[in-house]
Amino acid sequence: MQNGQDGGNGPGRGTAVITRTKTKTKKPSLYRVLILNDDYTPMEFVIHILERFFQKDREAATRIMLHVHNHGVGECGVYTFEVAETKVSQVMDFARQNQHPLQCVMEKK
């Protein structure tokens, strides 16, 4: 046995301090994906976009399309950055392939 001259925490005592660090997981930023109104893209095409890329049913897609038509902009959904960016690209590419000037953008929530 040691005589305790080193405070009792010296080598050979087998005392260990276990520290647990709590990692705070930060929630990822969310982004709104928006469709902008224009005077050329057919309403039916916008409904198709909402059904195909945002998994909206016919009723929800029609409601969003009318909101875009009447207010100039409408929200398709809220996603993490990567998902929102992908959806915007998919919509823009699909609109161009079909020769529509439809604009789709994302903004931080």
Protein backbone atom coordinates (compact mmCIF):
# COMPACT_ATOMS: atom_id res chain seq x y z
CA MET A 1 0.00 0.00 0.00
CA GLN A 2 1.04 3.52 -0.63
CA ASN A 3 1.37 5.89 2.20
CA GLY A 4 -0.84 8.53 0.58
CA GLN A 5 1.88 11.15 0.10
CA ASP A 6 0.77 11.83 -3.48
CA GLY A 7 -2.85 12.45 -2.53
CA GLY A 8 -3.95 8.89 -3.18
CA ASN A 9 -4.31 9.31 -6.93
CA GLY A 10 -0.85 8.22 -7.98
CA PRO A 11 0.07 5.31 -10.19
CA GLY A 12 -1.10 1.92 -9.08
CA ARG A 13 -4.38 3.06 -7.53
CA GLY A 14 -6.63 2.06 -10.44
CA THR A 15 -8.74 5.18 -10.20
CA ALA A 16 -10.07 6.51 -13.50
CA VAL A 17 -12.30 9.40 -14.36
CA ILE A 18 -14.78 8.65 -17.10
CA THR A 19 -16.10 11.68 -18.87
CA ARG A 20 -19.11 11.42 -21.11
CA THR A 21 -19.46 14.11 -23.68
CA LYS A 22 -22.91 14.73 -25.01
CA THR A 23 -22.81 15.50 -28.67
CA LYS A 24 -25.51 17.94 -29.63
CA THR A 25 -26.76 17.04 -33.05
CA LYS A 26 -27.77 20.18 -34.85
CA LYS A 27 -30.90 19.83 -36.92
CA PRO A 28 -30.20 20.45 -40.59
CA SER A 29 -31.47 23.68 -42.10
CA LEU A 30 -34.68 23.33 -44.04
CA TYR A 31 -35.49 24.86 -47.39
CA ARG A 32 -38.81 25.65 -49.03
CA VAL A 33 -39.13 24.61 -52.66
CA LEU A 34 -41.25 27.14 -54.55
CA ILE A 35 -42.78 27.26 -58.00
CA LEU A 36 -43.12 30.70 -59.59
CA ASN A 37 -46.00 31.71 -61.81
CA ASP A 38 -45.52 32.56 -65.47
CA ASP A 39 -47.94 33.28 -68.30
CA TYR A 40 -46.87 30.36 -70.49
CA THR A 41 -46.61 27.10 -68.55
CA PRO A 42 -49.93 25.21 -68.73
CA MET A 43 -51.73 24.59 -65.44
CA GLU A 44 -51.92 20.87 -66.23
CA PHE A 45 -48.12 20.72 -66.57
CA VAL A 46 -47.67 22.32 -63.13
CA ILE A 47 -50.07 19.75 -61.65
CA HIS A 48 -48.05 16.99 -63.32
CA ILE A 49 -44.81 18.40 -61.82
CA LEU A 50 -46.34 18.46 -58.34
CA GLU A 51 -47.58 14.87 -58.64
CA ARG A 52 -44.38 13.52 -60.18
CA PHE A 53 -41.65 15.26 -58.18
CA PHE A 54 -43.41 16.14 -54.92
CA GLN A 55 -45.73 13.12 -54.56
CA LYS A 56 -48.83 15.29 -54.24
CA ASP A 57 -52.20 13.77 -54.95
CA ARG A 58 -54.38 15.36 -57.63
CA GLU A 59 -56.32 17.51 -55.17
CA ALA A 60 -53.24 18.88 -53.37
CA ALA A 61 -51.44 19.47 -56.68
CA THR A 62 -54.42 21.39 -58.05
CA ARG A 63 -54.65 23.47 -54.87
CA ILE A 64 -50.93 24.39 -55.02
CA MET A 65 -51.13 25.13 -58.77
CA LEU A 66 -54.08 27.51 -58.19
CA HIS A 67 -52.17 29.20 -55.37
CA VAL A 68 -49.21 29.72 -57.75
CA HIS A 69 -51.59 31.04 -60.41
CA ASN A 70 -53.36 33.47 -58.08
CA HIS A 71 -50.48 34.59 -55.84
CA GLY A 72 -47.46 34.30 -58.13
CA VAL A 73 -45.68 31.68 -56.03
CA GLY A 74 -46.51 28.43 -54.24
CA GLU A 75 -44.74 26.07 -51.88
CA CYS A 76 -44.20 22.52 -53.11
CA GLY A 77 -42.59 21.23 -49.92
CA VAL A 78 -39.90 21.72 -47.27
CA TYR A 79 -36.71 19.66 -47.42
CA THR A 80 -33.10 19.51 -46.34
CA PHE A 81 -30.68 21.40 -48.59
CA GLU A 82 -29.61 18.44 -50.72
CA VAL A 83 -33.15 17.17 -51.28
CA ALA A 84 -34.45 20.66 -52.09
CA GLU A 85 -31.58 21.28 -54.50
CA THR A 86 -32.24 17.97 -56.26
CA LYS A 87 -35.97 18.67 -56.59
CA VAL A 88 -35.34 22.15 -58.02
CA SER A 89 -32.93 20.67 -60.59
CA GLN A 90 -35.35 17.90 -61.54
CA VAL A 91 -38.23 20.32 -62.03
CA MET A 92 -36.14 22.81 -64.02
CA ASP A 93 -34.70 20.08 -66.25
CA PHE A 94 -38.12 18.52 -66.86
CA ALA A 95 -39.67 21.91 -67.66
CA ARG A 96 -36.88 22.68 -70.16
CA GLN A 97 -37.22 19.25 -71.80
CA ASN A 98 -40.89 20.06 -72.31
CA GLN A 99 -40.10 23.60 -73.48
CA HIS A 100 -41.80 25.41 -70.60
CA PRO A 101 -40.30 28.48 -68.90
CA LEU A 102 -41.40 27.28 -65.45
CA GLN A 103 -39.17 28.51 -62.61
CA CYS A 104 -38.56 26.51 -59.44
CA VAL A 105 -36.46 27.93 -56.61
CA MET A 106 -35.53 27.17 -53.03
CA GLU A 107 -35.27 29.47 -50.03
CA LYS A 108 -34.12 28.91 -46.48
CA LYS A 109 -37.02 28.44 -44.11
